[in-house]
Amino acid sequence: MHLGFKDIDRGIAEINAVAKPDLFIVDAVQTLIDAQELRHGGKLKDLGYMLGGTDPVSLDSFGFRLFRGLNRN
């Protein structure tokens, strides 16, 4: 997939339109704060969670609540 698509997000979306996943896993062990990349000033922060479930919207919402509660200091 990395070679066939210039836009990896579009490739993932197209695959998910055909093959519906039954399980979603969210790696929330570490996250970046202050920027989306280290080279742009992002800082690694330990969150310490690995989430899994069948409802991607609920997982995303719960993950956002965990992230929002992060102490950024």
PDB file of N, CA and C in Angstrom:
ATOM      1  N   MET A   1       0.810  -1.184   0.000  1.00  0.00           N
ATOM      2  CA  MET A   1       0.000   0.000   0.000  1.00  0.00           C
ATOM      3  C   MET A   1       0.861   1.259   0.000  1.00  0.00           C
ATOM      4  N   HIS A   2       2.007   1.219   0.640  1.00  0.00           N
ATOM      5  CA  HIS A   2       2.873   2.395   0.673  1.00  0.00           C
ATOM      6  C   HIS A   2       3.366   2.769  -0.726  1.00  0.00           C
ATOM      7  N   LEU A   3       3.521   1.773  -1.582  1.00  0.00           N
ATOM      8  CA  LEU A   3       4.028   2.041  -2.920  1.00  0.00           C
ATOM      9  C   LEU A   3       2.924   2.439  -3.898  1.00  0.00           C
ATOM     10  N   GLY A   4       1.712   1.944  -3.691  1.00  0.00           N
ATOM     11  CA  GLY A   4       0.635   2.168  -4.638  1.00  0.00           C
ATOM     12  C   GLY A   4      -0.123   3.474  -4.446  1.00  0.00           C
ATOM     13  N   PHE A   5      -0.030   4.069  -3.270  1.00  0.00           N
ATOM     14  CA  PHE A   5      -0.777   5.292  -2.987  1.00  0.00           C
ATOM     15  C   PHE A   5       0.178   6.400  -2.583  1.00  0.00           C
ATOM     16  N   LYS A   6      -0.012   7.561  -3.148  1.00  0.00           N
ATOM     17  CA  LYS A   6       0.778   8.710  -2.708  1.00  0.00           C
ATOM     18  C   LYS A   6       0.224   9.279  -1.408  1.00  0.00           C
ATOM     19  N   ASP A   7      -1.071   9.072  -1.176  1.00  0.00           N
ATOM     20  CA  ASP A   7      -1.734   9.572   0.022  1.00  0.00           C
ATOM     21  C   ASP A   7      -2.133   8.369   0.879  1.00  0.00           C
ATOM     22  N   ILE A   8      -1.356   8.064   1.910  1.00  0.00           N
ATOM     23  CA  ILE A   8      -1.593   6.877   2.735  1.00  0.00           C
ATOM     24  C   ILE A   8      -2.956   6.927   3.405  1.00  0.00           C
ATOM     25  N   ASP A   9      -3.431   8.130   3.791  1.00  0.00           N
ATOM     26  CA  ASP A   9      -4.742   8.251   4.423  1.00  0.00           C
ATOM     27  C   ASP A   9      -5.855   7.802   3.475  1.00  0.00           C
ATOM     28  N   ARG A  10      -5.732   8.197   2.218  1.00  0.00           N
ATOM     29  CA  ARG A  10      -6.736   7.795   1.227  1.00  0.00           C
ATOM     30  C   ARG A  10      -6.699   6.278   1.017  1.00  0.00           C
ATOM     31  N   GLY A  11      -5.508   5.725   0.974  1.00  0.00           N
ATOM     32  CA  GLY A  11      -5.372   4.276   0.809  1.00  0.00           C
ATOM     33  C   GLY A  11      -6.019   3.511   1.948  1.00  0.00           C
ATOM     34  N   ILE A  12      -5.809   3.965   3.179  1.00  0.00           N
ATOM     35  CA  ILE A  12      -6.419   3.318   4.341  1.00  0.00           C
ATOM     36  C   ILE A  12      -7.933   3.435   4.263  1.00  0.00           C
ATOM     37  N   ALA A  13      -8.435   4.619   3.898  1.00  0.00           N
ATOM     38  CA  ALA A  13      -9.880   4.822   3.785  1.00  0.00           C
ATOM     39  C   ALA A  13     -10.481   3.899   2.730  1.00  0.00           C
ATOM     40  N   GLU A  14      -9.805   3.739   1.588  1.00  0.00           N
ATOM     41  CA  GLU A  14     -10.320   2.881   0.529  1.00  0.00           C
ATOM     42  C   GLU A  14     -10.339   1.414   0.944  1.00  0.00           C
ATOM     43  N   ILE A  15      -9.317   0.973   1.643  1.00  0.00           N
ATOM     44  CA  ILE A  15      -9.298  -0.411   2.130  1.00  0.00           C
ATOM     45  C   ILE A  15     -10.414  -0.626   3.143  1.00  0.00           C
ATOM     46  N   ASN A  16     -10.615   0.334   4.051  1.00  0.00           N
ATOM     47  CA  ASN A  16     -11.663   0.195   5.059  1.00  0.00           C
ATOM     48  C   ASN A  16     -13.064   0.244   4.458  1.00  0.00           C
ATOM     49  N   ALA A  17     -13.230   0.826   3.288  1.00  0.00           N
ATOM     50  CA  ALA A  17     -14.535   0.833   2.626  1.00  0.00           C
ATOM     51  C   ALA A  17     -14.896  -0.561   2.127  1.00  0.00           C
ATOM     52  N   VAL A  18     -13.891  -1.387   1.839  1.00  0.00           N
ATOM     53  CA  VAL A  18     -14.122  -2.730   1.315  1.00  0.00           C
ATOM     54  C   VAL A  18     -14.057  -3.780   2.422  1.00  0.00           C
ATOM     55  N   ALA A  19     -13.044  -3.713   3.262  1.00  0.00           N
ATOM     56  CA  ALA A  19     -12.826  -4.701   4.324  1.00  0.00           C
ATOM     57  C   ALA A  19     -13.142  -4.043   5.669  1.00  0.00           C
ATOM     58  N   LYS A  20     -14.313  -4.350   6.198  1.00  0.00           N
ATOM     59  CA  LYS A  20     -14.741  -3.747   7.468  1.00  0.00           C
ATOM     60  C   LYS A  20     -14.056  -4.449   8.643  1.00  0.00           C
ATOM     61  N   PRO A  21     -13.246  -3.725   9.413  1.00  0.00           N
ATOM     62  CA  PRO A  21     -12.570  -4.341  10.560  1.00  0.00           C
ATOM     63  C   PRO A  21     -13.554  -4.647  11.690  1.00  0.00           C
ATOM     64  N   ASP A  22     -13.269  -5.709  12.440  1.00  0.00           N
ATOM     65  CA  ASP A  22     -14.071  -6.081  13.600  1.00  0.00           C
ATOM     66  C   ASP A  22     -13.465  -5.578  14.901  1.00  0.00           C
ATOM     67  N   LEU A  23     -12.181  -5.288  14.878  1.00  0.00           N
ATOM     68  CA  LEU A  23     -11.480  -4.870  16.087  1.00  0.00           C
ATOM     69  C   LEU A  23     -10.590  -3.680  15.761  1.00  0.00           C
ATOM     70  N   PHE A  24     -10.626  -2.693  16.624  1.00  0.00           N
ATOM     71  CA  PHE A  24      -9.804  -1.498  16.470  1.00  0.00           C
ATOM     72  C   PHE A  24      -8.860  -1.412  17.654  1.00  0.00           C
ATOM     73  N   ILE A  25      -7.591  -1.130  17.384  1.00  0.00           N
ATOM     74  CA  ILE A  25      -6.582  -1.013  18.432  1.00  0.00           C
ATOM     75  C   ILE A  25      -5.960   0.373  18.335  1.00  0.00           C
ATOM     76  N   VAL A  26      -5.888   1.047  19.469  1.00  0.00           N
ATOM     77  CA  VAL A  26      -5.312   2.389  19.540  1.00  0.00           C
ATOM     78  C   VAL A  26      -4.095   2.333  20.451  1.00  0.00           C
ATOM     79  N   ASP A  27      -2.949   2.657  19.915  1.00  0.00           N
ATOM     80  CA  ASP A  27      -1.709   2.710  20.688  1.00  0.00           C
ATOM     81  C   ASP A  27      -1.630   4.077  21.347  1.00  0.00           C
ATOM     82  N   ALA A  28      -1.830   4.092  22.647  1.00  0.00           N
ATOM     83  CA  ALA A  28      -1.766   5.345  23.402  1.00  0.00           C
ATOM     84  C   ALA A  28      -0.710   5.246  24.500  1.00  0.00           C
ATOM     85  N   VAL A  29       0.348   4.478  24.216  1.00  0.00           N
ATOM     86  CA  VAL A  29       1.432   4.328  25.188  1.00  0.00           C
ATOM     87  C   VAL A  29       2.211   5.635  25.297  1.00  0.00           C
ATOM     88  N   GLN A  30       2.514   6.235  24.154  1.00  0.00           N
ATOM     89  CA  GLN A  30       3.176   7.542  24.109  1.00  0.00           C
ATOM     90  C   GLN A  30       2.444   8.421  23.111  1.00  0.00           C
ATOM     91  N   THR A  31       2.534   9.711  23.325  1.00  0.00           N
ATOM     92  CA  THR A  31       1.940  10.655  22.397  1.00  0.00           C
ATOM     93  C   THR A  31       2.854  11.861  22.244  1.00  0.00           C
ATOM     94  N   LEU A  32       2.587  12.662  21.246  1.00  0.00           N
ATOM     95  CA  LEU A  32       3.320  13.915  21.059  1.00  0.00           C
ATOM     96  C   LEU A  32       2.436  15.067  21.510  1.00  0.00           C
ATOM     97  N   ILE A  33       3.024  16.009  22.205  1.00  0.00           N
ATOM     98  CA  ILE A  33       2.306  17.219  22.586  1.00  0.00           C
ATOM     99  C   ILE A  33       3.032  18.428  21.997  1.00  0.00           C
ATOM    100  N   ASP A  34       2.321  19.507  21.878  1.00  0.00           N
ATOM    101  CA  ASP A  34       2.836  20.800  21.393  1.00  0.00           C
ATOM    102  C   ASP A  34       3.064  20.869  19.885  1.00  0.00           C
ATOM    103  N   ALA A  35       3.176  19.746  19.192  1.00  0.00           N
ATOM    104  CA  ALA A  35       3.307  19.716  17.733  1.00  0.00           C
ATOM    105  C   ALA A  35       3.108  18.273  17.275  1.00  0.00           C
ATOM    106  N   GLN A  36       2.833  18.069  15.992  1.00  0.00           N
ATOM    107  CA  GLN A  36       2.569  16.731  15.478  1.00  0.00           C
ATOM    108  C   GLN A  36       3.826  15.952  15.113  1.00  0.00           C
ATOM    109  N   GLU A  37       4.968  16.610  15.109  1.00  0.00           N
ATOM    110  CA  GLU A  37       6.227  15.932  14.798  1.00  0.00           C
ATOM    111  C   GLU A  37       7.327  16.453  15.720  1.00  0.00           C
ATOM    112  N   LEU A  38       8.274  15.582  16.039  1.00  0.00           N
ATOM    113  CA  LEU A  38       9.407  15.988  16.869  1.00  0.00           C
ATOM    114  C   LEU A  38      10.185  17.126  16.224  1.00  0.00           C
ATOM    115  N   ARG A  39      10.366  17.049  14.916  1.00  0.00           N
ATOM    116  CA  ARG A  39      11.166  18.064  14.223  1.00  0.00           C
ATOM    117  C   ARG A  39      10.493  19.435  14.219  1.00  0.00           C
ATOM    118  N   HIS A  40       9.214  19.479  14.550  1.00  0.00           N
ATOM    119  CA  HIS A  40       8.501  20.757  14.619  1.00  0.00           C
ATOM    120  C   HIS A  40       8.231  21.182  16.056  1.00  0.00           C
ATOM    121  N   GLY A  41       8.958  20.595  16.987  1.00  0.00           N
ATOM    122  CA  GLY A  41       8.835  20.996  18.386  1.00  0.00           C
ATOM    123  C   GLY A  41       7.965  20.105  19.244  1.00  0.00           C
ATOM    124  N   GLY A  42       7.487  18.996  18.693  1.00  0.00           N
ATOM    125  CA  GLY A  42       6.685  18.069  19.482  1.00  0.00           C
ATOM    126  C   GLY A  42       7.528  17.423  20.571  1.00  0.00           C
ATOM    127  N   LYS A  43       6.888  17.147  21.692  1.00  0.00           N
ATOM    128  CA  LYS A  43       7.567  16.516  22.823  1.00  0.00           C
ATOM    129  C   LYS A  43       6.861  15.212  23.160  1.00  0.00           C
ATOM    130  N   LEU A  44       7.636  14.134  23.349  1.00  0.00           N
ATOM    131  CA  LEU A  44       7.062  12.850  23.734  1.00  0.00           C
ATOM    132  C   LEU A  44       6.542  12.916  25.161  1.00  0.00           C
ATOM    133  N   LYS A  45       5.378  12.333  25.364  1.00  0.00           N
ATOM    134  CA  LYS A  45       4.784  12.275  26.695  1.00  0.00           C
ATOM    135  C   LYS A  45       4.220  10.870  26.878  1.00  0.00           C
ATOM    136  N   ASP A  46       4.517  10.237  28.008  1.00  0.00           N
ATOM    137  CA  ASP A  46       3.974   8.913  28.307  1.00  0.00           C
ATOM    138  C   ASP A  46       2.504   9.039  28.697  1.00  0.00           C
ATOM    139  N   LEU A  47       1.657   8.281  28.012  1.00  0.00           N
ATOM    140  CA  LEU A  47       0.241   8.233  28.356  1.00  0.00           C
ATOM    141  C   LEU A  47      -0.062   6.907  29.035  1.00  0.00           C
ATOM    142  N   GLY A  48       0.563   5.827  28.548  1.00  0.00           N
ATOM    143  CA  GLY A  48       0.510   4.541  29.236  1.00  0.00           C
ATOM    144  C   GLY A  48      -0.714   3.686  28.978  1.00  0.00           C
ATOM    145  N   TYR A  49      -1.392   3.858  27.839  1.00  0.00           N
ATOM    146  CA  TYR A  49      -2.584   3.068  27.552  1.00  0.00           C
ATOM    147  C   TYR A  49      -2.487   2.389  26.193  1.00  0.00           C
ATOM    148  N   MET A  50      -3.135   1.241  26.092  1.00  0.00           N
ATOM    149  CA  MET A  50      -3.374   0.567  24.827  1.00  0.00           C
ATOM    150  C   MET A  50      -4.868   0.273  24.840  1.00  0.00           C
ATOM    151  N   LEU A  51      -5.593   0.813  23.874  1.00  0.00           N
ATOM    152  CA  LEU A  51      -7.045   0.687  23.850  1.00  0.00           C
ATOM    153  C   LEU A  51      -7.468  -0.270  22.749  1.00  0.00           C
ATOM    154  N   GLY A  52      -8.555  -0.984  22.981  1.00  0.00           N
ATOM    155  CA  GLY A  52      -9.095  -1.869  21.962  1.00  0.00           C
ATOM    156  C   GLY A  52     -10.598  -1.956  22.095  1.00  0.00           C
ATOM    157  N   GLY A  53     -11.282  -2.152  20.979  1.00  0.00           N
ATOM    158  CA  GLY A  53     -12.730  -2.284  21.012  1.00  0.00           C
ATOM    159  C   GLY A  53     -13.300  -2.416  19.620  1.00  0.00           C
ATOM    160  N   THR A  54     -14.624  -2.453  19.561  1.00  0.00           N
ATOM    161  CA  THR A  54     -15.309  -2.648  18.289  1.00  0.00           C
ATOM    162  C   THR A  54     -15.932  -1.366  17.749  1.00  0.00           C
ATOM    163  N   ASP A  55     -15.918  -0.298  18.527  1.00  0.00           N
ATOM    164  CA  ASP A  55     -16.527   0.970  18.110  1.00  0.00           C
ATOM    165  C   ASP A  55     -15.440   2.038  17.984  1.00  0.00           C
ATOM    166  N   PRO A  56     -15.016   2.368  16.756  1.00  0.00           N
ATOM    167  CA  PRO A  56     -13.912   3.307  16.581  1.00  0.00           C
ATOM    168  C   PRO A  56     -14.227   4.718  17.073  1.00  0.00           C
ATOM    169  N   VAL A  57     -15.481   5.130  16.999  1.00  0.00           N
ATOM    170  CA  VAL A  57     -15.845   6.475  17.459  1.00  0.00           C
ATOM    171  C   VAL A  57     -15.718   6.565  18.979  1.00  0.00           C
ATOM    172  N   SER A  58     -16.179   5.543  19.682  1.00  0.00           N
ATOM    173  CA  SER A  58     -16.050   5.527  21.143  1.00  0.00           C
ATOM    174  C   SER A  58     -14.587   5.490  21.571  1.00  0.00           C
ATOM    175  N   LEU A  59     -13.773   4.698  20.878  1.00  0.00           N
ATOM    176  CA  LEU A  59     -12.347   4.641  21.196  1.00  0.00           C
ATOM    177  C   LEU A  59     -11.680   5.990  20.985  1.00  0.00           C
ATOM    178  N   ASP A  60     -12.009   6.642  19.885  1.00  0.00           N
ATOM    179  CA  ASP A  60     -11.438   7.950  19.591  1.00  0.00           C
ATOM    180  C   ASP A  60     -11.851   8.971  20.647  1.00  0.00           C
ATOM    181  N   SER A  61     -13.109   8.946  21.019  1.00  0.00           N
ATOM    182  CA  SER A  61     -13.614   9.870  22.039  1.00  0.00           C
ATOM    183  C   SER A  61     -12.940   9.640  23.385  1.00  0.00           C
ATOM    184  N   PHE A  62     -12.815   8.374  23.771  1.00  0.00           N
ATOM    185  CA  PHE A  62     -12.163   8.055  25.040  1.00  0.00           C
ATOM    186  C   PHE A  62     -10.687   8.439  25.000  1.00  0.00           C
ATOM    187  N   GLY A  63     -10.022   8.154  23.886  1.00  0.00           N
ATOM    188  CA  GLY A  63      -8.613   8.525  23.740  1.00  0.00           C
ATOM    189  C   GLY A  63      -8.421  10.028  23.830  1.00  0.00           C
ATOM    190  N   PHE A  64      -9.348  10.783  23.249  1.00  0.00           N
ATOM    191  CA  PHE A  64      -9.254  12.241  23.327  1.00  0.00           C
ATOM    192  C   PHE A  64      -9.402  12.715  24.763  1.00  0.00           C
ATOM    193  N   ARG A  65     -10.311  12.098  25.524  1.00  0.00           N
ATOM    194  CA  ARG A  65     -10.469  12.479  26.937  1.00  0.00           C
ATOM    195  C   ARG A  65      -9.197  12.169  27.729  1.00  0.00           C
ATOM    196  N   LEU A  66      -8.548  11.046  27.419  1.00  0.00           N
ATOM    197  CA  LEU A  66      -7.268  10.732  28.082  1.00  0.00           C
ATOM    198  C   LEU A  66      -6.223  11.789  27.738  1.00  0.00           C
ATOM    199  N   PHE A  67      -6.125  12.128  26.466  1.00  0.00           N
ATOM    200  CA  PHE A  67      -5.147  13.110  26.007  1.00  0.00           C
ATOM    201  C   PHE A  67      -5.417  14.480  26.615  1.00  0.00           C
ATOM    202  N   ARG A  68      -6.672  14.869  26.651  1.00  0.00           N
ATOM    203  CA  ARG A  68      -7.047  16.184  27.190  1.00  0.00           C
ATOM    204  C   ARG A  68      -6.684  16.300  28.675  1.00  0.00           C
ATOM    205  N   GLY A  69      -6.730  15.180  29.387  1.00  0.00           N
ATOM    206  CA  GLY A  69      -6.403  15.176  30.805  1.00  0.00           C
ATOM    207  C   GLY A  69      -4.916  15.100  31.092  1.00  0.00           C
ATOM    208  N   LEU A  70      -4.094  15.040  30.063  1.00  0.00           N
ATOM    209  CA  LEU A  70      -2.633  14.961  30.241  1.00  0.00           C
ATOM    210  C   LEU A  70      -2.093  16.205  30.918  1.00  0.00           C
ATOM    211  N   ASN A  71      -1.259  16.005  31.879  1.00  0.00           N
ATOM    212  CA  ASN A  71      -0.523  17.131  32.475  1.00  0.00           C
ATOM    213  C   ASN A  71       0.616  17.470  31.539  1.00  0.00           C
ATOM    214  N   ARG A  72       0.600  18.614  30.925  1.00  0.00           N
ATOM    215  CA  ARG A  72       1.600  18.972  29.898  1.00  0.00           C
ATOM    216  C   ARG A  72       2.908  19.472  30.485  1.00  0.00           C
ATOM    217  N   ASN A  73       3.038  19.538  31.750  1.00  0.00           N
ATOM    218  CA  ASN A  73       4.299  20.017  32.356  1.00  0.00           C
ATOM    219  C   ASN A  73       5.308  18.920  32.455  1.00  0.00           C
TER     220      ASN A  73
END
